Amino acid sequence: MTTLLWGALPYVALVLLATGLVWRYRYDKYGWTSRSSQVYESRLLNIASPVFHYGILFVLAGHVVGLFVPASWTRSLGVSEHTYHLFSLHGGTLAGVLTVAGLALLLYRRRTRAPVLRATTTNDKVMYLVLVAAIVLGMTAKLSHSSGDGYDYRATIAPWARSLFALRPDTALMADVPVLYQVHAVIGMLLVALVPYTRLVHMFSAPVQYLFRPYLVYRSRDPRQLGPRPERRGWETTRN
């Protein structure tokens, strides 16, 4: 079971992610979208969506730093284990609360607005269930081991995660990891495998170019000119 969960399942999830993205791009380009329901309701969405997206971005950034930045690197920068634990605990909890709050508002909106509910598919329901489980279990695991310096996942889970990309999975590192962290990791891998087949696929087409394009200038018209615009001469035929 240890080999299956920590040696095989991660690669199954990554293969499903990669093949799913290729398949979706080739055969479902028009479905490569978050399938926005803003046309049905926008007031709640304008609050819930930014809260959720900022929260989940901070959560992902915390996972990248925690799993792929070795403890020796932070120690070399003068960051003690206790300081790192406090930053991870409070920063991670804040990011988790933002994510859960935004997700709760999105689910409330989807449940209480009839047009939005009618546009919700079984695929969406499965995605929301797995996403909520992953976030809540991650927060529960972190808060249940918050005393002292907390659970040092950078000595077990992080090296295991890095060993996967070296194609030498060290499954023994996960043997004595607390159960909550193990369940969180399994559900996280399930979420990774589901991404290409749900609306979450839009994360791979985020409009990054918007950060670098020239800004647009909008100008209002003079109220005195709100009537019909004067005719302007177009191209005229020239005669020799």
C-alpha atoms as a PDB file:
ATOM      1  CA  MET A   1       0.000   0.000   0.000  1.00  0.00           C
ATOM      2  CA  THR A   2       2.860   2.400   0.768  1.00  0.00           C
ATOM      3  CA  THR A   3       4.348   1.835  -2.679  1.00  0.00           C
ATOM      4  CA  LEU A   4       0.949   2.239  -4.333  1.00  0.00           C
ATOM      5  CA  LEU A   5       0.032   5.480  -2.548  1.00  0.00           C
ATOM      6  CA  TRP A   6       3.385   7.232  -2.503  1.00  0.00           C
ATOM      7  CA  GLY A   7       5.217   5.590  -5.395  1.00  0.00           C
ATOM      8  CA  ALA A   8       2.587   4.977  -8.076  1.00  0.00           C
ATOM      9  CA  LEU A   9      -0.379   7.271  -7.408  1.00  0.00           C
ATOM     10  CA  PRO A  10       1.594  10.528  -7.844  1.00  0.00           C
ATOM     11  CA  TYR A  11       2.681   9.488 -11.334  1.00  0.00           C
ATOM     12  CA  VAL A  12      -0.837   8.351 -12.235  1.00  0.00           C
ATOM     13  CA  ALA A  13      -2.099  11.811 -11.223  1.00  0.00           C
ATOM     14  CA  LEU A  14       0.615  13.568 -13.248  1.00  0.00           C
ATOM     15  CA  VAL A  15      -0.057  11.397 -16.323  1.00  0.00           C
ATOM     16  CA  LEU A  16      -3.783  12.102 -16.106  1.00  0.00           C
ATOM     17  CA  LEU A  17      -2.996  15.804 -15.755  1.00  0.00           C
ATOM     18  CA  ALA A  18      -0.695  15.908 -18.779  1.00  0.00           C
ATOM     19  CA  THR A  19      -2.784  13.708 -21.081  1.00  0.00           C
ATOM     20  CA  GLY A  20      -5.964  15.470 -20.011  1.00  0.00           C
ATOM     21  CA  LEU A  21      -4.520  18.882 -20.861  1.00  0.00           C
ATOM     22  CA  VAL A  22      -3.385  17.690 -24.290  1.00  0.00           C
ATOM     23  CA  TRP A  23      -6.748  16.032 -25.007  1.00  0.00           C
ATOM     24  CA  ARG A  24      -8.710  19.060 -23.813  1.00  0.00           C
ATOM     25  CA  TYR A  25      -6.625  21.441 -25.895  1.00  0.00           C
ATOM     26  CA  ARG A  26      -6.932  19.373 -29.060  1.00  0.00           C
ATOM     27  CA  TYR A  27     -10.569  18.325 -28.873  1.00  0.00           C
ATOM     28  CA  ASP A  28     -12.316  20.773 -26.551  1.00  0.00           C
ATOM     29  CA  LYS A  29     -10.773  24.205 -27.059  1.00  0.00           C
ATOM     30  CA  TYR A  30     -14.115  25.933 -26.743  1.00  0.00           C
ATOM     31  CA  GLY A  31     -14.705  24.156 -23.441  1.00  0.00           C
ATOM     32  CA  TRP A  32     -11.353  25.349 -22.062  1.00  0.00           C
ATOM     33  CA  THR A  33     -12.982  27.915 -19.832  1.00  0.00           C
ATOM     34  CA  SER A  34     -14.248  28.536 -16.318  1.00  0.00           C
ATOM     35  CA  ARG A  35     -17.772  28.667 -17.793  1.00  0.00           C
ATOM     36  CA  SER A  36     -18.527  31.950 -16.086  1.00  0.00           C
ATOM     37  CA  SER A  37     -22.057  32.443 -14.768  1.00  0.00           C
ATOM     38  CA  GLN A  38     -21.687  36.211 -14.366  1.00  0.00           C
ATOM     39  CA  VAL A  39     -24.509  36.761 -16.842  1.00  0.00           C
ATOM     40  CA  TYR A  40     -26.904  35.176 -14.312  1.00  0.00           C
ATOM     41  CA  GLU A  41     -25.672  37.007 -11.190  1.00  0.00           C
ATOM     42  CA  SER A  42     -22.784  39.400 -10.658  1.00  0.00           C
ATOM     43  CA  ARG A  43     -23.134  41.084  -7.249  1.00  0.00           C
ATOM     44  CA  LEU A  44     -22.055  38.098  -5.131  1.00  0.00           C
ATOM     45  CA  LEU A  45     -19.643  36.908  -7.802  1.00  0.00           C
ATOM     46  CA  ASN A  46     -17.752  40.208  -7.738  1.00  0.00           C
ATOM     47  CA  ILE A  47     -17.042  39.612  -4.033  1.00  0.00           C
ATOM     48  CA  ALA A  48     -16.607  35.834  -3.872  1.00  0.00           C
ATOM     49  CA  SER A  49     -14.450  35.314  -6.943  1.00  0.00           C
ATOM     50  CA  PRO A  50     -11.563  37.682  -6.028  1.00  0.00           C
ATOM     51  CA  VAL A  51     -11.540  36.422  -2.412  1.00  0.00           C
ATOM     52  CA  PHE A  52     -11.366  32.808  -3.551  1.00  0.00           C
ATOM     53  CA  HIS A  53      -8.756  33.382  -6.260  1.00  0.00           C
ATOM     54  CA  TYR A  54      -6.430  35.447  -4.073  1.00  0.00           C
ATOM     55  CA  GLY A  55      -6.766  32.872  -1.302  1.00  0.00           C
ATOM     56  CA  ILE A  56      -6.043  29.887  -3.546  1.00  0.00           C
ATOM     57  CA  LEU A  57      -3.032  31.663  -5.099  1.00  0.00           C
ATOM     58  CA  PHE A  58      -1.541  32.190  -1.631  1.00  0.00           C
ATOM     59  CA  VAL A  59      -2.286  28.548  -0.766  1.00  0.00           C
ATOM     60  CA  LEU A  60      -0.520  27.324  -3.906  1.00  0.00           C
ATOM     61  CA  ALA A  61       2.444  29.635  -3.277  1.00  0.00           C
ATOM     62  CA  GLY A  62       2.735  28.298   0.280  1.00  0.00           C
ATOM     63  CA  HIS A  63       2.727  24.709  -0.976  1.00  0.00           C
ATOM     64  CA  VAL A  64       5.417  25.458  -3.561  1.00  0.00           C
ATOM     65  CA  VAL A  65       7.668  27.090  -0.962  1.00  0.00           C
ATOM     66  CA  GLY A  66       7.001  24.447   1.686  1.00  0.00           C
ATOM     67  CA  LEU A  67       7.560  21.456  -0.595  1.00  0.00           C
ATOM     68  CA  PHE A  68      10.268  22.624  -2.966  1.00  0.00           C
ATOM     69  CA  VAL A  69      12.405  25.041  -0.942  1.00  0.00           C
ATOM     70  CA  PRO A  70      14.672  22.907   1.303  1.00  0.00           C
ATOM     71  CA  ALA A  71      14.923  23.765   4.994  1.00  0.00           C
ATOM     72  CA  SER A  72      18.669  24.295   4.561  1.00  0.00           C
ATOM     73  CA  TRP A  73      17.945  27.220   2.233  1.00  0.00           C
ATOM     74  CA  THR A  74      15.747  29.059   4.724  1.00  0.00           C
ATOM     75  CA  ARG A  75      18.206  28.350   7.542  1.00  0.00           C
ATOM     76  CA  SER A  76      21.011  29.842   5.440  1.00  0.00           C
ATOM     77  CA  LEU A  77      18.918  33.009   5.223  1.00  0.00           C
ATOM     78  CA  GLY A  78      18.718  33.150   9.015  1.00  0.00           C
ATOM     79  CA  VAL A  79      15.127  31.905   9.293  1.00  0.00           C
ATOM     80  CA  SER A  80      14.847  29.530  12.250  1.00  0.00           C
ATOM     81  CA  GLU A  81      12.497  26.556  12.261  1.00  0.00           C
ATOM     82  CA  HIS A  82      10.269  28.227  14.850  1.00  0.00           C
ATOM     83  CA  THR A  83      10.028  31.432  12.782  1.00  0.00           C
ATOM     84  CA  TYR A  84       9.256  29.432   9.662  1.00  0.00           C
ATOM     85  CA  HIS A  85       6.601  27.474  11.547  1.00  0.00           C
ATOM     86  CA  LEU A  86       4.903  30.657  12.802  1.00  0.00           C
ATOM     87  CA  PHE A  87       4.957  32.222   9.344  1.00  0.00           C
ATOM     88  CA  SER A  88       3.624  29.020   7.784  1.00  0.00           C
ATOM     89  CA  LEU A  89       0.945  28.612  10.452  1.00  0.00           C
ATOM     90  CA  HIS A  90      -0.419  32.161  10.415  1.00  0.00           C
ATOM     91  CA  GLY A  91       0.126  32.841   6.717  1.00  0.00           C
ATOM     92  CA  GLY A  92      -1.262  29.463   5.711  1.00  0.00           C
ATOM     93  CA  THR A  93      -4.263  29.833   8.005  1.00  0.00           C
ATOM     94  CA  LEU A  94      -5.055  33.286   6.603  1.00  0.00           C
ATOM     95  CA  ALA A  95      -4.788  32.002   3.031  1.00  0.00           C
ATOM     96  CA  GLY A  96      -6.963  29.029   3.916  1.00  0.00           C
ATOM     97  CA  VAL A  97      -9.600  31.211   5.561  1.00  0.00           C
ATOM     98  CA  LEU A  98      -9.718  33.468   2.494  1.00  0.00           C
ATOM     99  CA  THR A  99     -10.069  30.465   0.212  1.00  0.00           C
ATOM    100  CA  VAL A 100     -12.781  28.826   2.318  1.00  0.00           C
ATOM    101  CA  ALA A 101     -14.679  32.125   2.675  1.00  0.00           C
ATOM    102  CA  GLY A 102     -14.593  32.754  -1.068  1.00  0.00           C
ATOM    103  CA  LEU A 103     -15.547  29.171  -1.838  1.00  0.00           C
ATOM    104  CA  ALA A 104     -18.399  29.274   0.680  1.00  0.00           C
ATOM    105  CA  LEU A 105     -19.784  32.411  -0.988  1.00  0.00           C
ATOM    106  CA  LEU A 106     -19.467  30.810  -4.424  1.00  0.00           C
ATOM    107  CA  LEU A 107     -21.313  27.708  -3.244  1.00  0.00           C
ATOM    108  CA  TYR A 108     -23.988  29.819  -1.519  1.00  0.00           C
ATOM    109  CA  ARG A 109     -24.475  31.797  -4.704  1.00  0.00           C
ATOM    110  CA  ARG A 110     -24.640  28.654  -6.791  1.00  0.00           C
ATOM    111  CA  ARG A 111     -27.191  27.100  -4.432  1.00  0.00           C
ATOM    112  CA  THR A 112     -29.477  30.102  -3.947  1.00  0.00           C
ATOM    113  CA  ARG A 113     -29.546  31.589  -7.458  1.00  0.00           C
ATOM    114  CA  ALA A 114     -31.794  29.411  -9.611  1.00  0.00           C
ATOM    115  CA  PRO A 115     -30.196  30.202 -13.010  1.00  0.00           C
ATOM    116  CA  VAL A 116     -26.719  29.519 -11.604  1.00  0.00           C
ATOM    117  CA  LEU A 117     -27.914  26.274  -9.993  1.00  0.00           C
ATOM    118  CA  ARG A 118     -29.408  25.103 -13.276  1.00  0.00           C
ATOM    119  CA  ALA A 119     -26.067  25.719 -14.969  1.00  0.00           C
ATOM    120  CA  THR A 120     -24.263  23.528 -12.396  1.00  0.00           C
ATOM    121  CA  THR A 121     -23.249  20.119 -13.746  1.00  0.00           C
ATOM    122  CA  THR A 122     -22.405  16.861 -11.965  1.00  0.00           C
ATOM    123  CA  ASN A 123     -18.818  17.525 -12.980  1.00  0.00           C
ATOM    124  CA  ASP A 124     -18.942  20.831 -11.068  1.00  0.00           C
ATOM    125  CA  LYS A 125     -20.338  19.152  -7.964  1.00  0.00           C
ATOM    126  CA  VAL A 126     -17.561  16.536  -7.912  1.00  0.00           C
ATOM    127  CA  MET A 127     -14.940  19.241  -8.427  1.00  0.00           C
ATOM    128  CA  TYR A 128     -16.301  21.375  -5.578  1.00  0.00           C
ATOM    129  CA  LEU A 129     -16.452  18.346  -3.259  1.00  0.00           C
ATOM    130  CA  VAL A 130     -12.814  17.383  -3.877  1.00  0.00           C
ATOM    131  CA  LEU A 131     -11.650  21.004  -3.685  1.00  0.00           C
ATOM    132  CA  VAL A 132     -13.407  21.622  -0.361  1.00  0.00           C
ATOM    133  CA  ALA A 133     -12.062  18.345   1.052  1.00  0.00           C
ATOM    134  CA  ALA A 134      -8.487  19.195   0.055  1.00  0.00           C
ATOM    135  CA  ILE A 135      -8.599  22.707   1.559  1.00  0.00           C
ATOM    136  CA  VAL A 136     -10.402  21.787   4.777  1.00  0.00           C
ATOM    137  CA  LEU A 137      -8.209  18.739   5.433  1.00  0.00           C
ATOM    138  CA  GLY A 138      -5.067  20.784   4.807  1.00  0.00           C
ATOM    139  CA  MET A 139      -6.153  23.422   7.322  1.00  0.00           C
ATOM    140  CA  THR A 140      -7.216  20.765   9.829  1.00  0.00           C
ATOM    141  CA  ALA A 141      -3.885  18.967   9.538  1.00  0.00           C
ATOM    142  CA  LYS A 142      -1.973  22.212  10.024  1.00  0.00           C
ATOM    143  CA  LEU A 143      -4.014  23.451  12.993  1.00  0.00           C
ATOM    144  CA  SER A 144      -4.058  20.062  14.732  1.00  0.00           C
ATOM    145  CA  HIS A 145      -0.227  20.094  14.828  1.00  0.00           C
ATOM    146  CA  SER A 146       0.249  23.774  15.666  1.00  0.00           C
ATOM    147  CA  SER A 147       1.782  23.506  19.135  1.00  0.00           C
ATOM    148  CA  GLY A 148       5.486  24.166  19.575  1.00  0.00           C
ATOM    149  CA  ASP A 149       7.221  24.024  16.215  1.00  0.00           C
ATOM    150  CA  GLY A 150       4.372  21.979  14.748  1.00  0.00           C
ATOM    151  CA  TYR A 151       4.856  18.971  12.519  1.00  0.00           C
ATOM    152  CA  ASP A 152       8.063  19.293  10.498  1.00  0.00           C
ATOM    153  CA  TYR A 153       6.720  18.238   7.085  1.00  0.00           C
ATOM    154  CA  ARG A 154       9.891  19.622   5.485  1.00  0.00           C
ATOM    155  CA  ALA A 155      11.745  16.601   6.875  1.00  0.00           C
ATOM    156  CA  THR A 156       9.355  14.023   5.390  1.00  0.00           C
ATOM    157  CA  ILE A 157       6.681  15.190   2.934  1.00  0.00           C
ATOM    158  CA  ALA A 158       8.845  17.793   1.190  1.00  0.00           C
ATOM    159  CA  PRO A 159      11.798  15.458   0.445  1.00  0.00           C
ATOM    160  CA  TRP A 160       9.304  12.809  -0.750  1.00  0.00           C
ATOM    161  CA  ALA A 161       7.698  15.333  -3.132  1.00  0.00           C
ATOM    162  CA  ARG A 162      11.089  16.355  -4.519  1.00  0.00           C
ATOM    163  CA  SER A 163      12.109  12.725  -4.935  1.00  0.00           C
ATOM    164  CA  LEU A 164       9.163  12.205  -7.292  1.00  0.00           C
ATOM    165  CA  PHE A 165      10.612  14.677  -9.770  1.00  0.00           C
ATOM    166  CA  ALA A 166      13.979  12.959  -9.518  1.00  0.00           C
ATOM    167  CA  LEU A 167      12.133   9.734 -10.555  1.00  0.00           C
ATOM    168  CA  ARG A 168      13.350   8.054  -7.365  1.00  0.00           C
ATOM    169  CA  PRO A 169      10.314   8.208  -5.030  1.00  0.00           C
ATOM    170  CA  ASP A 170      11.394   7.733  -1.422  1.00  0.00           C
ATOM    171  CA  THR A 171       8.157   6.153  -0.174  1.00  0.00           C
ATOM    172  CA  ALA A 172       9.630   5.332   3.242  1.00  0.00           C
ATOM    173  CA  LEU A 173       9.514   9.030   4.142  1.00  0.00           C
ATOM    174  CA  MET A 174       5.700   8.936   4.118  1.00  0.00           C
ATOM    175  CA  ALA A 175       5.339   5.872   6.334  1.00  0.00           C
ATOM    176  CA  ASP A 176       5.165   7.745   9.670  1.00  0.00           C
ATOM    177  CA  VAL A 177       3.517  10.964   8.450  1.00  0.00           C
ATOM    178  CA  PRO A 178       0.378  11.865  10.469  1.00  0.00           C
ATOM    179  CA  VAL A 179      -2.803  10.444   8.967  1.00  0.00           C
ATOM    180  CA  LEU A 180      -4.381  13.847   8.309  1.00  0.00           C
ATOM    181  CA  TYR A 181      -1.403  14.894   6.220  1.00  0.00           C
ATOM    182  CA  GLN A 182      -1.521  11.596   4.339  1.00  0.00           C
ATOM    183  CA  VAL A 183      -5.219  11.951   3.533  1.00  0.00           C
ATOM    184  CA  HIS A 184      -4.655  15.564   2.499  1.00  0.00           C
ATOM    185  CA  ALA A 185      -1.879  14.441   0.139  1.00  0.00           C
ATOM    186  CA  VAL A 186      -4.048  11.717  -1.444  1.00  0.00           C
ATOM    187  CA  ILE A 187      -6.958  14.102  -2.018  1.00  0.00           C
ATOM    188  CA  GLY A 188      -4.518  16.670  -3.388  1.00  0.00           C
ATOM    189  CA  MET A 189      -3.293  14.137  -5.955  1.00  0.00           C
ATOM    190  CA  LEU A 190      -6.899  13.337  -6.865  1.00  0.00           C
ATOM    191  CA  LEU A 191      -7.529  17.054  -7.388  1.00  0.00           C
ATOM    192  CA  VAL A 192      -4.476  17.322  -9.647  1.00  0.00           C
ATOM    193  CA  ALA A 193      -5.799  14.426 -11.754  1.00  0.00           C
ATOM    194  CA  LEU A 194      -9.244  16.064 -12.044  1.00  0.00           C
ATOM    195  CA  VAL A 195      -8.036  19.512 -13.122  1.00  0.00           C
ATOM    196  CA  PRO A 196      -8.046  18.963 -16.925  1.00  0.00           C
ATOM    197  CA  TYR A 197     -11.551  17.491 -16.876  1.00  0.00           C
ATOM    198  CA  THR A 198     -13.230  20.292 -14.894  1.00  0.00           C
ATOM    199  CA  ARG A 199     -13.582  24.064 -15.039  1.00  0.00           C
ATOM    200  CA  LEU A 200     -10.312  24.273 -13.067  1.00  0.00           C
ATOM    201  CA  VAL A 201      -8.512  23.810 -16.387  1.00  0.00           C
ATOM    202  CA  HIS A 202      -8.748  27.572 -16.893  1.00  0.00           C
ATOM    203  CA  MET A 203      -5.861  28.030 -14.439  1.00  0.00           C
ATOM    204  CA  PHE A 204      -3.531  27.020 -17.293  1.00  0.00           C
ATOM    205  CA  SER A 205      -4.728  29.863 -19.478  1.00  0.00           C
ATOM    206  CA  ALA A 206      -4.599  32.716 -16.992  1.00  0.00           C
ATOM    207  CA  PRO A 207      -4.261  36.022 -18.886  1.00  0.00           C
ATOM    208  CA  VAL A 208      -0.715  36.725 -17.713  1.00  0.00           C
ATOM    209  CA  GLN A 209      -0.241  39.089 -20.664  1.00  0.00           C
ATOM    210  CA  TYR A 210      -2.632  41.509 -18.987  1.00  0.00           C
ATOM    211  CA  LEU A 211       0.132  42.304 -16.507  1.00  0.00           C
ATOM    212  CA  PHE A 212       2.395  43.605 -19.260  1.00  0.00           C
ATOM    213  CA  ARG A 213       0.116  45.101 -21.920  1.00  0.00           C
ATOM    214  CA  PRO A 214      -0.248  48.900 -22.229  1.00  0.00           C
ATOM    215  CA  TYR A 215      -3.068  50.253 -20.124  1.00  0.00           C
ATOM    216  CA  LEU A 216      -6.282  51.368 -21.772  1.00  0.00           C
ATOM    217  CA  VAL A 217      -7.551  54.922 -21.355  1.00  0.00           C
ATOM    218  CA  TYR A 218     -11.316  55.431 -21.160  1.00  0.00           C
ATOM    219  CA  ARG A 219     -12.712  58.933 -21.615  1.00  0.00           C
ATOM    220  CA  SER A 220     -16.303  60.005 -21.136  1.00  0.00           C
ATOM    221  CA  ARG A 221     -17.990  62.118 -23.774  1.00  0.00           C
ATOM    222  CA  ASP A 222     -18.831  65.750 -23.163  1.00  0.00           C
ATOM    223  CA  PRO A 223     -22.461  65.844 -21.876  1.00  0.00           C
ATOM    224  CA  ARG A 224     -23.119  68.631 -24.368  1.00  0.00           C
ATOM    225  CA  GLN A 225     -22.318  66.228 -27.187  1.00  0.00           C
ATOM    226  CA  LEU A 226     -24.593  63.353 -26.198  1.00  0.00           C
ATOM    227  CA  GLY A 227     -26.864  63.936 -29.175  1.00  0.00           C
ATOM    228  CA  PRO A 228     -26.266  62.524 -32.648  1.00  0.00           C
ATOM    229  CA  ARG A 229     -22.672  62.758 -33.695  1.00  0.00           C
ATOM    230  CA  PRO A 230     -21.955  65.148 -36.545  1.00  0.00           C
ATOM    231  CA  GLU A 231     -21.370  63.547 -39.902  1.00  0.00           C
ATOM    232  CA  ARG A 232     -17.763  63.302 -40.904  1.00  0.00           C
ATOM    233  CA  ARG A 233     -16.550  63.304 -44.445  1.00  0.00           C
ATOM    234  CA  GLY A 234     -15.190  60.001 -45.523  1.00  0.00           C
ATOM    235  CA  TRP A 235     -13.055  59.086 -48.470  1.00  0.00           C
ATOM    236  CA  GLU A 236     -14.011  60.977 -51.584  1.00  0.00           C
ATOM    237  CA  THR A 237     -13.344  60.015 -55.147  1.00  0.00           C
ATOM    238  CA  THR A 238     -10.734  62.257 -56.714  1.00  0.00           C
ATOM    239  CA  ARG A 239     -11.086  63.373 -60.297  1.00  0.00           C
ATOM    240  CA  ASN A 240      -8.215  64.159 -62.572  1.00  0.00           C
END
